Amino acid sequence: MDLCLYGHNHSVPAAEVAPVIGLTPEQVERVYRDIDVKRRTTRPLHLPALLVKDVSEISEMKKAVIG
């Protein structure tokens, strides 16, 4: 999986990755698609929280960090 992830992140064609890791190009393409799907579905987990109203503790923390 690590080599597939490296290949995907560096735009290495599946046909070049496949023989190195002992898979077919089709299998590597499936892994690449799976990586894309997992990134799309988990994207909201990496976004900041949406708040209904301002929370003073958070604003104060931002000011302390940013300066």
Protein backbone atom coordinates (compact mmCIF):
# COMPACT_ATOMS: atom_id res chain seq x y z
CA MET A 1 0.00 0.00 0.00
CA ASP A 2 2.83 2.43 0.82
CA LEU A 3 4.35 2.04 -2.64
CA CYS A 4 0.96 2.54 -4.27
CA LEU A 5 0.40 5.66 -2.18
CA TYR A 6 3.84 6.97 -3.14
CA GLY A 7 3.13 6.24 -6.80
CA HIS A 8 -0.25 7.93 -6.65
CA ASN A 9 1.12 11.01 -4.84
CA HIS A 10 3.93 11.37 -7.37
CA SER A 11 1.80 10.66 -10.48
CA VAL A 12 3.64 7.45 -11.31
CA PRO A 13 1.58 5.48 -13.86
CA ALA A 14 0.01 2.28 -12.53
CA ALA A 15 1.80 0.32 -15.26
CA GLU A 16 5.17 1.34 -13.76
CA VAL A 17 4.19 0.62 -10.15
CA ALA A 18 2.55 -2.75 -10.85
CA PRO A 19 5.62 -4.88 -11.67
CA VAL A 20 7.56 -3.45 -8.74
CA ILE A 21 4.96 -4.57 -6.21
CA GLY A 22 3.76 -7.73 -7.95
CA LEU A 23 0.29 -6.55 -8.98
CA THR A 24 -1.36 -6.02 -12.34
CA PRO A 25 -1.79 -2.45 -13.63
CA GLU A 26 -5.56 -2.90 -13.22
CA GLN A 27 -5.11 -3.76 -9.54
CA VAL A 28 -2.93 -0.70 -9.00
CA GLU A 29 -5.53 1.47 -10.77
CA ARG A 30 -8.11 0.10 -8.32
CA VAL A 31 -5.85 1.04 -5.42
CA TYR A 32 -5.40 4.53 -6.89
CA ARG A 33 -9.19 4.93 -7.17
CA ASP A 34 -9.60 3.68 -3.61
CA ILE A 35 -7.12 6.29 -2.39
CA ASP A 36 -9.10 9.02 -4.19
CA VAL A 37 -12.40 7.82 -2.71
CA LYS A 38 -11.00 7.70 0.81
CA ARG A 39 -9.58 11.20 0.47
CA ARG A 40 -12.90 12.55 -0.81
CA THR A 41 -14.96 10.89 1.92
CA THR A 42 -12.68 11.95 4.78
CA ARG A 43 -12.14 15.54 3.62
CA PRO A 44 -14.81 16.94 5.99
CA LEU A 45 -12.89 15.48 8.94
CA HIS A 46 -9.97 17.79 8.14
CA LEU A 47 -12.03 20.97 7.88
CA PRO A 48 -12.49 23.35 10.80
CA ALA A 49 -15.68 23.07 12.82
CA LEU A 50 -18.69 25.14 11.84
CA LEU A 51 -20.07 26.96 14.85
CA VAL A 52 -23.54 28.44 15.28
CA LYS A 53 -22.09 31.42 17.12
CA ASP A 54 -18.70 32.74 18.13
CA VAL A 55 -17.07 30.92 21.06
CA SER A 56 -14.89 33.30 23.04
CA GLU A 57 -12.46 30.60 24.16
CA ILE A 58 -11.68 29.72 20.56
CA SER A 59 -11.27 33.36 19.56
CA GLU A 60 -8.88 33.90 22.47
CA MET A 61 -6.86 30.83 21.52
CA LYS A 62 -6.55 32.06 17.92
CA LYS A 63 -5.36 35.48 19.11
CA ALA A 64 -2.78 33.87 21.40
CA VAL A 65 -1.45 31.63 18.61
CA ILE A 66 -1.48 34.23 15.83
CA GLY A 67 -0.24 37.04 18.06
